[in-house]
Amino acid sequence: MAKGYWVVAYRWVSDADALTRYGAQAGPVVLAEGGRFVVRGGKATGREHGAAERTVVVEFPSYDVAVAVYESDAYQAAVRILDGVAERDFRIVEGPEQDSE
């Protein structure tokens, strides 16, 4: 089964405290559903029209789980913390099919 991923680039954040509160609320929701943070900020270099923004990549057991977590009431409550204080490019993508062994 192919895994699902959240790929999130933060265009801007005007309230670092709100981002911290969002992380404290959203992190446990993600982890409870089998999410794993692959990239969580850190160094970034933009190439080919890419910007060096804060980037987060989260891996989920499947694409369907990634979508369900995003759409969950618990995650949406966390997202509301960022209303008006952050702009993100948020994508949910499916990874390659995994070989079963």
PDB file of N, CA and C in Angstrom:
ATOM      1  N   MET A   1       0.844  -1.181   0.000  1.00  0.00           N
ATOM      2  CA  MET A   1       0.000   0.000   0.000  1.00  0.00           C
ATOM      3  C   MET A   1       0.887   1.241   0.000  1.00  0.00           C
ATOM      4  N   ALA A   2       0.481   2.223  -0.772  1.00  0.00           N
ATOM      5  CA  ALA A   2       1.229   3.476  -0.844  1.00  0.00           C
ATOM      6  C   ALA A   2       0.962   4.322   0.398  1.00  0.00           C
ATOM      7  N   LYS A   3       1.988   4.984   0.859  1.00  0.00           N
ATOM      8  CA  LYS A   3       1.845   5.887   2.005  1.00  0.00           C
ATOM      9  C   LYS A   3       1.321   7.236   1.527  1.00  0.00           C
ATOM     10  N   GLY A   4       0.804   8.004   2.463  1.00  0.00           N
ATOM     11  CA  GLY A   4       0.347   9.355   2.166  1.00  0.00           C
ATOM     12  C   GLY A   4       1.238  10.358   2.868  1.00  0.00           C
ATOM     13  N   TYR A   5       1.327  11.541   2.301  1.00  0.00           N
ATOM     14  CA  TYR A   5       2.209  12.573   2.845  1.00  0.00           C
ATOM     15  C   TYR A   5       1.521  13.927   2.863  1.00  0.00           C
ATOM     16  N   TRP A   6       1.784  14.678   3.916  1.00  0.00           N
ATOM     17  CA  TRP A   6       1.488  16.104   3.929  1.00  0.00           C
ATOM     18  C   TRP A   6       2.791  16.801   3.569  1.00  0.00           C
ATOM     19  N   VAL A   7       2.747  17.697   2.611  1.00  0.00           N
ATOM     20  CA  VAL A   7       3.896  18.519   2.250  1.00  0.00           C
ATOM     21  C   VAL A   7       3.444  19.968   2.425  1.00  0.00           C
ATOM     22  N   VAL A   8       4.037  20.645   3.387  1.00  0.00           N
ATOM     23  CA  VAL A   8       3.555  21.965   3.792  1.00  0.00           C
ATOM     24  C   VAL A   8       4.699  22.973   3.742  1.00  0.00           C
ATOM     25  N   ALA A   9       4.497  24.042   2.976  1.00  0.00           N
ATOM     26  CA  ALA A   9       5.455  25.150   2.948  1.00  0.00           C
ATOM     27  C   ALA A   9       4.767  26.367   3.552  1.00  0.00           C
ATOM     28  N   TYR A  10       5.391  26.948   4.539  1.00  0.00           N
ATOM     29  CA  TYR A  10       4.856  28.142   5.190  1.00  0.00           C
ATOM     30  C   TYR A  10       5.312  29.358   4.403  1.00  0.00           C
ATOM     31  N   ARG A  11       4.385  30.062   3.778  1.00  0.00           N
ATOM     32  CA  ARG A  11       4.715  31.269   3.014  1.00  0.00           C
ATOM     33  C   ARG A  11       5.114  32.396   3.963  1.00  0.00           C
ATOM     34  N   TRP A  12       4.378  32.536   5.038  1.00  0.00           N
ATOM     35  CA  TRP A  12       4.716  33.521   6.068  1.00  0.00           C
ATOM     36  C   TRP A  12       4.006  33.161   7.358  1.00  0.00           C
ATOM     37  N   VAL A  13       4.601  33.602   8.461  1.00  0.00           N
ATOM     38  CA  VAL A  13       4.020  33.449   9.798  1.00  0.00           C
ATOM     39  C   VAL A  13       4.249  34.769  10.517  1.00  0.00           C
ATOM     40  N   SER A  14       3.179  35.377  11.019  1.00  0.00           N
ATOM     41  CA  SER A  14       3.319  36.662  11.707  1.00  0.00           C
ATOM     42  C   SER A  14       3.221  36.537  13.227  1.00  0.00           C
ATOM     43  N   ASP A  15       2.922  35.332  13.725  1.00  0.00           N
ATOM     44  CA  ASP A  15       2.774  35.142  15.169  1.00  0.00           C
ATOM     45  C   ASP A  15       3.414  33.808  15.564  1.00  0.00           C
ATOM     46  N   ALA A  16       4.659  33.877  16.017  1.00  0.00           N
ATOM     47  CA  ALA A  16       5.392  32.657  16.383  1.00  0.00           C
ATOM     48  C   ALA A  16       4.724  31.918  17.539  1.00  0.00           C
ATOM     49  N   ASP A  17       4.116  32.648  18.458  1.00  0.00           N
ATOM     50  CA  ASP A  17       3.426  31.995  19.580  1.00  0.00           C
ATOM     51  C   ASP A  17       2.243  31.167  19.088  1.00  0.00           C
ATOM     52  N   ALA A  18       1.512  31.685  18.109  1.00  0.00           N
ATOM     53  CA  ALA A  18       0.389  30.931  17.540  1.00  0.00           C
ATOM     54  C   ALA A  18       0.896  29.659  16.863  1.00  0.00           C
ATOM     55  N   LEU A  19       2.031  29.755  16.179  1.00  0.00           N
ATOM     56  CA  LEU A  19       2.603  28.570  15.536  1.00  0.00           C
ATOM     57  C   LEU A  19       2.973  27.521  16.581  1.00  0.00           C
ATOM     58  N   THR A  20       3.509  27.956  17.698  1.00  0.00           N
ATOM     59  CA  THR A  20       3.842  27.036  18.787  1.00  0.00           C
ATOM     60  C   THR A  20       2.583  26.377  19.347  1.00  0.00           C
ATOM     61  N   ARG A  21       1.536  27.157  19.552  1.00  0.00           N
ATOM     62  CA  ARG A  21       0.267  26.600  20.053  1.00  0.00           C
ATOM     63  C   ARG A  21      -0.332  25.608  19.054  1.00  0.00           C
ATOM     64  N   TYR A  22      -0.278  25.959  17.765  1.00  0.00           N
ATOM     65  CA  TYR A  22      -0.753  25.054  16.716  1.00  0.00           C
ATOM     66  C   TYR A  22       0.003  23.728  16.789  1.00  0.00           C
ATOM     67  N   GLY A  23       1.322  23.790  16.872  1.00  0.00           N
ATOM     68  CA  GLY A  23       2.137  22.576  16.932  1.00  0.00           C
ATOM     69  C   GLY A  23       1.813  21.716  18.138  1.00  0.00           C
ATOM     70  N   ALA A  24       1.593  22.363  19.278  1.00  0.00           N
ATOM     71  CA  ALA A  24       1.265  21.622  20.502  1.00  0.00           C
ATOM     72  C   ALA A  24      -0.078  20.916  20.390  1.00  0.00           C
ATOM     73  N   GLN A  25      -1.004  21.493  19.648  1.00  0.00           N
ATOM     74  CA  GLN A  25      -2.325  20.881  19.493  1.00  0.00           C
ATOM     75  C   GLN A  25      -2.359  19.896  18.329  1.00  0.00           C
ATOM     76  N   ALA A  26      -1.714  20.236  17.216  1.00  0.00           N
ATOM     77  CA  ALA A  26      -1.768  19.392  16.023  1.00  0.00           C
ATOM     78  C   ALA A  26      -0.863  18.166  16.130  1.00  0.00           C
ATOM     79  N   GLY A  27       0.295  18.310  16.754  1.00  0.00           N
ATOM     80  CA  GLY A  27       1.252  17.204  16.840  1.00  0.00           C
ATOM     81  C   GLY A  27       0.658  15.927  17.394  1.00  0.00           C
ATOM     82  N   PRO A  28      -0.005  15.963  18.542  1.00  0.00           N
ATOM     83  CA  PRO A  28      -0.596  14.745  19.095  1.00  0.00           C
ATOM     84  C   PRO A  28      -1.673  14.127  18.195  1.00  0.00           C
ATOM     85  N   VAL A  29      -2.409  14.963  17.459  1.00  0.00           N
ATOM     86  CA  VAL A  29      -3.423  14.446  16.531  1.00  0.00           C
ATOM     87  C   VAL A  29      -2.740  13.646  15.427  1.00  0.00           C
ATOM     88  N   VAL A  30      -1.678  14.205  14.877  1.00  0.00           N
ATOM     89  CA  VAL A  30      -0.919  13.546  13.814  1.00  0.00           C
ATOM     90  C   VAL A  30      -0.331  12.227  14.313  1.00  0.00           C
ATOM     91  N   LEU A  31       0.325  12.256  15.454  1.00  0.00           N
ATOM     92  CA  LEU A  31       0.982  11.058  15.987  1.00  0.00           C
ATOM     93  C   LEU A  31      -0.021   9.965  16.342  1.00  0.00           C
ATOM     94  N   ALA A  32      -1.182  10.343  16.853  1.00  0.00           N
ATOM     95  CA  ALA A  32      -2.199   9.362  17.243  1.00  0.00           C
ATOM     96  C   ALA A  32      -2.726   8.571  16.051  1.00  0.00           C
ATOM     97  N   GLU A  33      -2.622   9.147  14.857  1.00  0.00           N
ATOM     98  CA  GLU A  33      -3.115   8.477  13.648  1.00  0.00           C
ATOM     99  C   GLU A  33      -1.988   7.842  12.837  1.00  0.00           C
ATOM    100  N   GLY A  34      -0.834   7.663  13.464  1.00  0.00           N
ATOM    101  CA  GLY A  34       0.275   6.993  12.789  1.00  0.00           C
ATOM    102  C   GLY A  34       1.142   7.901  11.949  1.00  0.00           C
ATOM    103  N   GLY A  35       0.969   9.213  12.083  1.00  0.00           N
ATOM    104  CA  GLY A  35       1.804  10.148  11.337  1.00  0.00           C
ATOM    105  C   GLY A  35       3.218  10.180  11.888  1.00  0.00           C
ATOM    106  N   ARG A  36       4.162  10.434  10.996  1.00  0.00           N
ATOM    107  CA  ARG A  36       5.576  10.519  11.376  1.00  0.00           C
ATOM    108  C   ARG A  36       6.163  11.748  10.703  1.00  0.00           C
ATOM    109  N   PHE A  37       6.755  12.638  11.516  1.00  0.00           N
ATOM    110  CA  PHE A  37       7.365  13.841  10.960  1.00  0.00           C
ATOM    111  C   PHE A  37       8.686  13.466  10.296  1.00  0.00           C
ATOM    112  N   VAL A  38       8.748  13.648   8.982  1.00  0.00           N
ATOM    113  CA  VAL A  38       9.951  13.345   8.208  1.00  0.00           C
ATOM    114  C   VAL A  38      10.827  14.595   8.129  1.00  0.00           C
ATOM    115  N   VAL A  39      10.205  15.738   7.927  1.00  0.00           N
ATOM    116  CA  VAL A  39      10.888  17.034   7.888  1.00  0.00           C
ATOM    117  C   VAL A  39      10.063  17.979   8.746  1.00  0.00           C
ATOM    118  N   ARG A  40      10.737  18.717   9.614  1.00  0.00           N
ATOM    119  CA  ARG A  40      10.027  19.660  10.489  1.00  0.00           C
ATOM    120  C   ARG A  40      10.892  20.902  10.634  1.00  0.00           C
ATOM    121  N   GLY A  41      10.843  21.753   9.606  1.00  0.00           N
ATOM    122  CA  GLY A  41      11.686  22.946   9.608  1.00  0.00           C
ATOM    123  C   GLY A  41      13.100  22.567   9.213  1.00  0.00           C
ATOM    124  N   GLY A  42      14.071  23.232   9.768  1.00  0.00           N
ATOM    125  CA  GLY A  42      15.468  22.948   9.448  1.00  0.00           C
ATOM    126  C   GLY A  42      15.924  23.732   8.226  1.00  0.00           C
ATOM    127  N   LYS A  43      17.130  23.439   7.785  1.00  0.00           N
ATOM    128  CA  LYS A  43      17.712  24.149   6.647  1.00  0.00           C
ATOM    129  C   LYS A  43      16.904  23.874   5.385  1.00  0.00           C
ATOM    130  N   ALA A  44      16.801  24.897   4.540  1.00  0.00           N
ATOM    131  CA  ALA A  44      16.098  24.760   3.263  1.00  0.00           C
ATOM    132  C   ALA A  44      16.780  25.643   2.233  1.00  0.00           C
ATOM    133  N   THR A  45      16.912  25.134   1.042  1.00  0.00           N
ATOM    134  CA  THR A  45      17.474  25.881  -0.071  1.00  0.00           C
ATOM    135  C   THR A  45      16.484  25.811  -1.221  1.00  0.00           C
ATOM    136  N   GLY A  46      16.062  26.959  -1.724  1.00  0.00           N
ATOM    137  CA  GLY A  46      15.125  26.986  -2.844  1.00  0.00           C
ATOM    138  C   GLY A  46      15.849  26.832  -4.171  1.00  0.00           C
ATOM    139  N   ARG A  47      15.260  26.086  -5.073  1.00  0.00           N
ATOM    140  CA  ARG A  47      15.776  25.899  -6.435  1.00  0.00           C
ATOM    141  C   ARG A  47      14.605  25.980  -7.413  1.00  0.00           C
ATOM    142  N   GLU A  48      14.876  26.413  -8.628  1.00  0.00           N
ATOM    143  CA  GLU A  48      13.888  26.439  -9.710  1.00  0.00           C
ATOM    144  C   GLU A  48      12.581  27.094  -9.273  1.00  0.00           C
ATOM    145  N   HIS A  49      12.649  28.328  -8.889  1.00  0.00           N
ATOM    146  CA  HIS A  49      11.522  29.149  -8.435  1.00  0.00           C
ATOM    147  C   HIS A  49      11.020  28.763  -7.052  1.00  0.00           C
ATOM    148  N   GLY A  50      11.724  27.889  -6.364  1.00  0.00           N
ATOM    149  CA  GLY A  50      11.332  27.509  -5.007  1.00  0.00           C
ATOM    150  C   GLY A  50      11.861  28.510  -4.000  1.00  0.00           C
ATOM    151  N   ALA A  51      11.107  28.718  -2.961  1.00  0.00           N
ATOM    152  CA  ALA A  51      11.523  29.612  -1.888  1.00  0.00           C
ATOM    153  C   ALA A  51      12.043  28.776  -0.725  1.00  0.00           C
ATOM    154  N   ALA A  52      12.938  29.336   0.029  1.00  0.00           N
ATOM    155  CA  ALA A  52      13.503  28.638   1.188  1.00  0.00           C
ATOM    156  C   ALA A  52      12.629  28.925   2.405  1.00  0.00           C
ATOM    157  N   GLU A  53      11.440  28.359   2.409  1.00  0.00           N
ATOM    158  CA  GLU A  53      10.465  28.568   3.475  1.00  0.00           C
ATOM    159  C   GLU A  53      10.548  27.433   4.479  1.00  0.00           C
ATOM    160  N   ARG A  54       9.928  27.660   5.642  1.00  0.00           N
ATOM    161  CA  ARG A  54       9.777  26.564   6.605  1.00  0.00           C
ATOM    162  C   ARG A  54       8.953  25.487   5.912  1.00  0.00           C
ATOM    163  N   THR A  55       9.459  24.267   5.916  1.00  0.00           N
ATOM    164  CA  THR A  55       8.786  23.156   5.255  1.00  0.00           C
ATOM    165  C   THR A  55       8.593  22.022   6.243  1.00  0.00           C
ATOM    166  N   VAL A  56       7.424  21.393   6.172  1.00  0.00           N
ATOM    167  CA  VAL A  56       7.105  20.245   7.010  1.00  0.00           C
ATOM    168  C   VAL A  56       6.611  19.130   6.098  1.00  0.00           C
ATOM    169  N   VAL A  57       7.129  17.921   6.309  1.00  0.00           N
ATOM    170  CA  VAL A  57       6.659  16.733   5.597  1.00  0.00           C
ATOM    171  C   VAL A  57       6.275  15.700   6.645  1.00  0.00           C
ATOM    172  N   VAL A  58       5.042  15.205   6.544  1.00  0.00           N
ATOM    173  CA  VAL A  58       4.541  14.197   7.473  1.00  0.00           C
ATOM    174  C   VAL A  58       4.135  12.972   6.668  1.00  0.00           C
ATOM    175  N   GLU A  59       4.590  11.809   7.101  1.00  0.00           N
ATOM    176  CA  GLU A  59       4.261  10.540   6.444  1.00  0.00           C
ATOM    177  C   GLU A  59       3.140   9.847   7.219  1.00  0.00           C
ATOM    178  N   PHE A  60       2.154   9.317   6.493  1.00  0.00           N
ATOM    179  CA  PHE A  60       1.045   8.571   7.086  1.00  0.00           C
ATOM    180  C   PHE A  60       0.999   7.166   6.495  1.00  0.00           C
ATOM    181  N   PRO A  61       0.333   6.234   7.169  1.00  0.00           N
ATOM    182  CA  PRO A  61       0.261   4.858   6.671  1.00  0.00           C
ATOM    183  C   PRO A  61      -0.345   4.742   5.270  1.00  0.00           C
ATOM    184  N   SER A  62      -1.226   5.676   4.898  1.00  0.00           N
ATOM    185  CA  SER A  62      -1.833   5.653   3.564  1.00  0.00           C
ATOM    186  C   SER A  62      -2.303   7.059   3.197  1.00  0.00           C
ATOM    187  N   TYR A  63      -2.589   7.236   1.921  1.00  0.00           N
ATOM    188  CA  TYR A  63      -3.136   8.506   1.443  1.00  0.00           C
ATOM    189  C   TYR A  63      -4.472   8.797   2.125  1.00  0.00           C
ATOM    190  N   ASP A  64      -5.318   7.770   2.227  1.00  0.00           N
ATOM    191  CA  ASP A  64      -6.634   7.956   2.846  1.00  0.00           C
ATOM    192  C   ASP A  64      -6.517   8.416   4.295  1.00  0.00           C
ATOM    193  N   VAL A  65      -5.558   7.874   5.027  1.00  0.00           N
ATOM    194  CA  VAL A  65      -5.347   8.309   6.417  1.00  0.00           C
ATOM    195  C   VAL A  65      -4.889   9.765   6.437  1.00  0.00           C
ATOM    196  N   ALA A  66      -3.992  10.136   5.528  1.00  0.00           N
ATOM    197  CA  ALA A  66      -3.507  11.521   5.475  1.00  0.00           C
ATOM    198  C   ALA A  66      -4.661  12.494   5.250  1.00  0.00           C
ATOM    199  N   VAL A  67      -5.567  12.148   4.346  1.00  0.00           N
ATOM    200  CA  VAL A  67      -6.728  13.001   4.074  1.00  0.00           C
ATOM    201  C   VAL A  67      -7.653  13.037   5.290  1.00  0.00           C
ATOM    202  N   ALA A  68      -7.919  11.873   5.875  1.00  0.00           N
ATOM    203  CA  ALA A  68      -8.836  11.794   7.021  1.00  0.00           C
ATOM    204  C   ALA A  68      -8.331  12.602   8.210  1.00  0.00           C
ATOM    205  N   VAL A  69      -7.033  12.557   8.471  1.00  0.00           N
ATOM    206  CA  VAL A  69      -6.480  13.324   9.595  1.00  0.00           C
ATOM    207  C   VAL A  69      -6.647  14.816   9.324  1.00  0.00           C
ATOM    208  N   TYR A  70      -6.337  15.244   8.103  1.00  0.00           N
ATOM    209  CA  TYR A  70      -6.496  16.665   7.775  1.00  0.00           C
ATOM    210  C   TYR A  70      -7.940  17.116   7.969  1.00  0.00           C
ATOM    211  N   GLU A  71      -8.878  16.287   7.562  1.00  0.00           N
ATOM    212  CA  GLU A  71     -10.298  16.647   7.623  1.00  0.00           C
ATOM    213  C   GLU A  71     -10.925  16.433   9.001  1.00  0.00           C
ATOM    214  N   SER A  72     -10.188  15.837   9.933  1.00  0.00           N
ATOM    215  CA  SER A  72     -10.748  15.538  11.255  1.00  0.00           C
ATOM    216  C   SER A  72     -11.060  16.817  12.033  1.00  0.00           C
ATOM    217  N   ASP A  73     -12.062  16.721  12.895  1.00  0.00           N
ATOM    218  CA  ASP A  73     -12.423  17.863  13.741  1.00  0.00           C
ATOM    219  C   ASP A  73     -11.251  18.292  14.620  1.00  0.00           C
ATOM    220  N   ALA A  74     -10.513  17.317  15.136  1.00  0.00           N
ATOM    221  CA  ALA A  74      -9.392  17.632  16.030  1.00  0.00           C
ATOM    222  C   ALA A  74      -8.313  18.431  15.302  1.00  0.00           C
ATOM    223  N   TYR A  75      -7.965  18.024  14.072  1.00  0.00           N
ATOM    224  CA  TYR A  75      -6.935  18.758  13.336  1.00  0.00           C
ATOM    225  C   TYR A  75      -7.451  20.123  12.898  1.00  0.00           C
ATOM    226  N   GLN A  76      -8.688  20.181  12.447  1.00  0.00           N
ATOM    227  CA  GLN A  76      -9.242  21.460  12.009  1.00  0.00           C
ATOM    228  C   GLN A  76      -9.312  22.468  13.155  1.00  0.00           C
ATOM    229  N   ALA A  77      -9.530  21.997  14.372  1.00  0.00           N
ATOM    230  CA  ALA A  77      -9.494  22.893  15.535  1.00  0.00           C
ATOM    231  C   ALA A  77      -8.100  23.490  15.696  1.00  0.00           C
ATOM    232  N   ALA A  78      -7.067  22.686  15.459  1.00  0.00           N
ATOM    233  CA  ALA A  78      -5.692  23.184  15.541  1.00  0.00           C
ATOM    234  C   ALA A  78      -5.409  24.194  14.433  1.00  0.00           C
ATOM    235  N   VAL A  79      -5.873  23.906  13.224  1.00  0.00           N
ATOM    236  CA  VAL A  79      -5.627  24.796  12.086  1.00  0.00           C
ATOM    237  C   VAL A  79      -6.215  26.187  12.331  1.00  0.00           C
ATOM    238  N   ARG A  80      -7.337  26.248  13.008  1.00  0.00           N
ATOM    239  CA  ARG A  80      -7.968  27.551  13.274  1.00  0.00           C
ATOM    240  C   ARG A  80      -7.052  28.487  14.073  1.00  0.00           C
ATOM    241  N   ILE A  81      -6.119  27.935  14.807  1.00  0.00           N
ATOM    242  CA  ILE A  81      -5.156  28.763  15.549  1.00  0.00           C
ATOM    243  C   ILE A  81      -4.339  29.630  14.593  1.00  0.00           C
ATOM    244  N   LEU A  82      -4.131  29.146  13.367  1.00  0.00           N
ATOM    245  CA  LEU A  82      -3.306  29.861  12.393  1.00  0.00           C
ATOM    246  C   LEU A  82      -4.083  30.874  11.561  1.00  0.00           C
ATOM    247  N   ASP A  83      -5.404  30.938  11.739  1.00  0.00           N
ATOM    248  CA  ASP A  83      -6.213  31.881  10.960  1.00  0.00           C
ATOM    249  C   ASP A  83      -5.680  33.303  11.105  1.00  0.00           C
ATOM    250  N   GLY A  84      -5.319  33.893   9.974  1.00  0.00           N
ATOM    251  CA  GLY A  84      -4.865  35.277   9.956  1.00  0.00           C
ATOM    252  C   GLY A  84      -3.435  35.506  10.385  1.00  0.00           C
ATOM    253  N   VAL A  85      -2.745  34.451  10.830  1.00  0.00           N
ATOM    254  CA  VAL A  85      -1.360  34.641  11.288  1.00  0.00           C
ATOM    255  C   VAL A  85      -0.357  33.797  10.502  1.00  0.00           C
ATOM    256  N   ALA A  86      -0.844  33.014   9.533  1.00  0.00           N
ATOM    257  CA  ALA A  86       0.067  32.204   8.716  1.00  0.00           C
ATOM    258  C   ALA A  86      -0.593  31.893   7.379  1.00  0.00           C
ATOM    259  N   GLU A  87       0.238  31.796   6.368  1.00  0.00           N
ATOM    260  CA  GLU A  87      -0.222  31.331   5.058  1.00  0.00           C
ATOM    261  C   GLU A  87       0.635  30.136   4.678  1.00  0.00           C
ATOM    262  N   ARG A  88      -0.044  29.039   4.295  1.00  0.00           N
ATOM    263  CA  ARG A  88       0.677  27.811   3.972  1.00  0.00           C
ATOM    264  C   ARG A  88       0.260  27.293   2.605  1.00  0.00           C
ATOM    265  N   ASP A  89       1.193  26.650   1.941  1.00  0.00           N
ATOM    266  CA  ASP A  89       0.916  25.852   0.747  1.00  0.00           C
ATOM    267  C   ASP A  89       0.869  24.422   1.264  1.00  0.00           C
ATOM    268  N   PHE A  90      -0.326  23.850   1.374  1.00  0.00           N
ATOM    269  CA  PHE A  90      -0.531  22.550   2.024  1.00  0.00           C
ATOM    270  C   PHE A  90      -0.990  21.558   0.972  1.00  0.00           C
ATOM    271  N   ARG A  91      -0.226  20.496   0.783  1.00  0.00           N
ATOM    272  CA  ARG A  91      -0.575  19.469  -0.204  1.00  0.00           C
ATOM    273  C   ARG A  91      -0.610  18.106   0.461  1.00  0.00           C
ATOM    274  N   ILE A  92      -1.543  17.291   0.021  1.00  0.00           N
ATOM    275  CA  ILE A  92      -1.605  15.897   0.453  1.00  0.00           C
ATOM    276  C   ILE A  92      -1.328  15.067  -0.791  1.00  0.00           C
ATOM    277  N   VAL A  93      -0.283  14.238  -0.722  1.00  0.00           N
ATOM    278  CA  VAL A  93       0.138  13.473  -1.894  1.00  0.00           C
ATOM    279  C   VAL A  93       0.298  12.000  -1.540  1.00  0.00           C
ATOM    280  N   GLU A  94       0.187  11.175  -2.559  1.00  0.00           N
ATOM    281  CA  GLU A  94       0.373   9.736  -2.385  1.00  0.00           C
ATOM    282  C   GLU A  94       1.790   9.367  -2.796  1.00  0.00           C
ATOM    283  N   GLY A  95       2.447   8.555  -1.973  1.00  0.00           N
ATOM    284  CA  GLY A  95       3.784   8.080  -2.286  1.00  0.00           C
ATOM    285  C   GLY A  95       3.724   6.898  -3.244  1.00  0.00           C
ATOM    286  N   PRO A  96       4.880   6.354  -3.608  1.00  0.00           N
ATOM    287  CA  PRO A  96       4.903   5.198  -4.503  1.00  0.00           C
ATOM    288  C   PRO A  96       4.346   3.956  -3.810  1.00  0.00           C
ATOM    289  N   GLU A  97       3.847   3.052  -4.597  1.00  0.00           N
ATOM    290  CA  GLU A  97       3.340   1.781  -4.069  1.00  0.00           C
ATOM    291  C   GLU A  97       4.486   1.046  -3.374  1.00  0.00           C
ATOM    292  N   GLN A  98       4.217   0.523  -2.177  1.00  0.00           N
ATOM    293  CA  GLN A  98       5.237  -0.184  -1.398  1.00  0.00           C
ATOM    294  C   GLN A  98       5.199  -1.672  -1.720  1.00  0.00           C
ATOM    295  N   ASP A  99       6.368  -2.266  -1.854  1.00  0.00           N
ATOM    296  CA  ASP A  99       6.442  -3.720  -2.026  1.00  0.00           C
ATOM    297  C   ASP A  99       6.086  -4.380  -0.711  1.00  0.00           C
ATOM    298  N   SER A 100       5.270  -5.401  -0.752  1.00  0.00           N
ATOM    299  CA  SER A 100       4.978  -6.148   0.477  1.00  0.00           C
ATOM    300  C   SER A 100       5.934  -7.319   0.555  1.00  0.00           C
ATOM    301  N   GLU A 101       6.507  -7.492   1.717  1.00  0.00           N
ATOM    302  CA  GLU A 101       7.489  -8.573   1.883  1.00  0.00           C
ATOM    303  C   GLU A 101       6.989  -9.604   2.838  1.00  0.00           C
TER     304      GLU A 101
END
